Protein backbone atom coordinates (compact mmCIF):
# COMPACT_ATOMS: atom_id res chain seq x y z
CA UNK A 1 159.11 -42.31 -89.31
CA UNK A 2 155.51 -43.47 -89.74
CA UNK A 3 153.39 -41.16 -87.61
CA UNK A 4 150.04 -41.59 -89.41
CA UNK A 5 148.47 -45.01 -89.79
CA UNK A 6 145.30 -45.85 -91.69
CA UNK A 7 143.19 -48.97 -91.58
CA UNK A 8 141.41 -50.75 -94.40
CA UNK A 9 139.92 -54.21 -94.47
CA UNK A 10 136.98 -56.41 -95.22
CA UNK A 11 133.68 -56.19 -93.40
CA UNK A 12 133.61 -59.96 -92.94
CA UNK A 13 136.61 -60.74 -90.79
CA UNK A 14 136.95 -63.92 -88.78
CA UNK A 15 138.00 -62.42 -85.46
CA UNK A 16 140.20 -64.84 -83.54
CA UNK A 17 142.32 -64.44 -80.43
CA UNK A 18 145.39 -64.76 -82.68
CA UNK A 19 144.22 -61.95 -84.96
CA UNK A 20 143.40 -59.69 -82.01
CA UNK A 21 146.82 -60.31 -80.46
CA UNK A 22 148.55 -59.70 -83.78
CA UNK A 23 146.67 -56.44 -84.34
CA UNK A 24 147.46 -55.30 -80.80
CA UNK A 25 151.16 -56.13 -81.23
CA UNK A 26 151.32 -54.45 -84.65
CA UNK A 27 149.76 -51.23 -83.36
CA UNK A 28 151.90 -51.29 -80.20
CA UNK A 29 155.06 -51.64 -82.31
CA UNK A 30 153.96 -48.75 -84.54
CA UNK A 31 153.19 -46.56 -81.49
CA UNK A 32 156.51 -47.36 -79.87
CA UNK A 33 158.19 -46.31 -83.12
CA UNK A 34 156.43 -42.93 -83.24
CA UNK A 35 152.92 -43.46 -84.64
CA UNK A 36 150.41 -41.09 -83.07
CA UNK A 37 147.54 -40.63 -85.55
CA UNK A 38 145.25 -43.48 -86.55
CA UNK A 39 142.71 -43.00 -89.35
CA UNK A 40 139.72 -45.29 -89.80
CA UNK A 41 136.64 -45.28 -91.98
CA UNK A 42 133.93 -46.38 -89.56
CA UNK A 43 132.81 -49.55 -91.34
CA UNK A 44 131.83 -52.83 -89.74
CA UNK A 45 134.42 -55.58 -89.52
CA UNK A 46 138.09 -54.64 -89.79
CA UNK A 47 137.59 -50.88 -89.32
CA UNK A 48 135.63 -51.36 -86.13
CA UNK A 49 138.12 -53.90 -84.75
CA UNK A 50 141.00 -51.48 -85.41
CA UNK A 51 139.11 -48.54 -83.91
CA UNK A 52 138.37 -50.53 -80.75
CA UNK A 53 142.00 -51.65 -80.51
CA UNK A 54 143.36 -48.12 -80.95
CA UNK A 55 140.98 -46.82 -78.28
CA UNK A 56 142.05 -49.57 -75.87
CA UNK A 57 145.72 -48.79 -76.52
CA UNK A 58 145.09 -45.11 -75.82
CA UNK A 59 144.80 -46.02 -72.12
CA UNK A 60 148.46 -47.06 -72.12
CA UNK A 61 149.59 -44.57 -74.79
CA UNK A 62 147.61 -41.36 -74.17
CA UNK A 63 149.47 -39.54 -76.95
CA UNK A 64 147.72 -41.50 -79.73
CA UNK A 65 144.68 -40.14 -81.52
CA UNK A 66 141.84 -41.87 -83.35
CA UNK A 67 140.53 -39.91 -86.31
CA UNK A 68 137.40 -41.10 -88.10
CA UNK A 69 137.04 -40.28 -91.77
CA UNK A 70 133.47 -41.16 -92.61
CA UNK A 71 131.82 -41.37 -96.04
CA UNK A 72 128.55 -39.70 -94.99
CA UNK A 73 126.47 -38.88 -91.94
CA UNK A 74 125.88 -41.83 -89.62
CA UNK A 75 122.19 -42.45 -90.32
CA UNK A 76 122.97 -43.51 -93.88
CA UNK A 77 126.14 -45.43 -93.14
CA UNK A 78 124.49 -47.47 -90.38
CA UNK A 79 121.02 -47.84 -91.95
CA UNK A 80 121.31 -51.64 -92.35
CA UNK A 81 123.20 -52.31 -89.10
CA UNK A 82 121.65 -54.05 -86.09
CA UNK A 83 121.16 -52.30 -82.74
CA UNK A 84 124.31 -53.78 -81.18
CA UNK A 85 126.45 -52.65 -84.11
CA UNK A 86 124.94 -49.15 -83.97
CA UNK A 87 125.57 -48.92 -80.22
CA UNK A 88 129.23 -49.90 -80.63
CA UNK A 89 129.58 -47.39 -83.47
CA UNK A 90 128.18 -44.63 -81.25
CA UNK A 91 130.70 -45.52 -78.53
CA UNK A 92 133.52 -45.23 -81.05
CA UNK A 93 132.19 -41.91 -82.38
CA UNK A 94 132.02 -40.55 -78.83
CA UNK A 95 135.61 -41.59 -78.07
CA UNK A 96 137.19 -40.46 -81.37
CA UNK A 97 139.47 -37.44 -81.26
CA UNK A 98 138.22 -36.07 -84.57
CA UNK A 99 135.51 -36.89 -87.08
CA UNK A 100 135.42 -35.70 -90.65
CA UNK A 101 132.91 -36.53 -93.36
CA UNK A 102 133.73 -36.72 -97.04
CA UNK A 103 130.05 -36.03 -97.82
CA UNK A 104 126.88 -35.08 -95.97
CA UNK A 105 124.83 -37.51 -98.05
CA UNK A 106 125.33 -41.06 -99.24
CA UNK A 107 126.08 -41.36 -102.98
CA UNK A 108 127.71 -43.94 -105.23
CA UNK A 109 131.38 -43.26 -104.69
CA UNK A 110 131.28 -41.79 -101.17
CA UNK A 111 133.06 -44.87 -99.79
CA UNK A 112 135.82 -44.46 -102.38
CA UNK A 113 136.14 -40.75 -101.48
CA UNK A 114 136.57 -41.78 -97.84
CA UNK A 115 139.24 -44.33 -98.80
CA UNK A 116 141.12 -41.79 -100.92
CA UNK A 117 141.14 -39.40 -97.95
CA UNK A 118 142.50 -41.91 -95.43
CA UNK A 119 145.33 -42.82 -97.82
CA UNK A 120 146.12 -39.12 -98.31
CA UNK A 121 146.52 -38.78 -94.54
CA UNK A 122 148.60 -41.92 -93.93
CA UNK A 123 152.27 -42.86 -93.81
CA UNK A 124 151.44 -46.56 -93.35
CA UNK A 125 148.42 -48.78 -94.02
CA UNK A 126 147.46 -51.65 -91.70
CA UNK A 127 145.06 -53.84 -93.61
CA UNK A 128 143.18 -57.09 -93.64
CA UNK A 129 143.11 -57.88 -97.35
CA UNK A 130 142.58 -61.34 -98.82
CA UNK A 131 143.53 -60.36 -102.39
CA UNK A 132 140.01 -60.16 -103.76
CA UNK A 133 140.63 -57.60 -106.47
CA UNK A 134 137.08 -56.29 -106.78
CA UNK A 135 136.61 -54.74 -103.37
CA UNK A 136 136.94 -51.35 -101.73
CA UNK A 137 139.68 -52.82 -99.57
CA UNK A 138 141.61 -53.96 -102.63
CA UNK A 139 141.22 -50.54 -104.22
CA UNK A 140 142.45 -48.84 -101.04
CA UNK A 141 145.46 -51.17 -100.69
CA UNK A 142 146.36 -50.44 -104.33
CA UNK A 143 146.12 -46.68 -103.65
CA UNK A 144 148.47 -47.13 -100.68
CA UNK A 145 150.90 -48.99 -102.92
CA UNK A 146 150.71 -46.26 -105.56
CA UNK A 147 151.46 -43.67 -102.87
CA UNK A 148 154.48 -45.74 -101.84
CA UNK A 149 153.59 -46.14 -98.19
CA UNK A 150 154.26 -49.30 -96.21
CA UNK A 151 151.42 -51.83 -96.22
CA UNK A 152 151.12 -54.25 -93.33
CA UNK A 153 148.65 -56.98 -94.31
CA UNK A 154 147.62 -59.01 -91.30
CA UNK A 155 145.84 -61.70 -93.34
CA UNK A 156 149.30 -62.89 -94.34
CA UNK A 157 150.12 -63.63 -90.70
CA UNK A 158 146.93 -65.33 -89.50
C-alpha cells in the first residue's frame, strides 16, 4: 500500500482545467487506496499546484497530511518570487502539517538534498516530467525509479 506520496515537477507548467482535474483524480484515487502523507518541496509550478490540491482535498479527507520538505529558509528560496507568489507560499506554509528544512542556508546542492529527502520518504512519486534529462525534476524521477517506487507522470496523460 502506498501511504506516502511525493511530488516533483517543473516550475513552468501549463496549468489547464484538464491537468487540474487529472491531478485531483489521481490524488483522490491514492487517498482512497490508503495514502495519507504527501511530501512537497515548496517550489513554484508543479509543487505549488500539488500542495494547493492536497490542501483542498484535506477538507474532504481530513486524515491526509501535507509535509513540506524545503531546501532552505524561505527568504532565500523565495528571493526572486513576486508578491503574489510569496503570499500563496505563505498560505501553504501556514496550512502545512509539518515543515522540515534540509539546510538553514542556500547552497549549490540544497535543492538536490531536498529532492533526495522527499524520495526517501515516499512510496510513490506523482510527477510532471517532460523527459528533459538535465533538470532537478529528471534527477528526482530517476531517484524514484532507482528506489523502485511507482512513478505516476501526469504529462503523459495531458
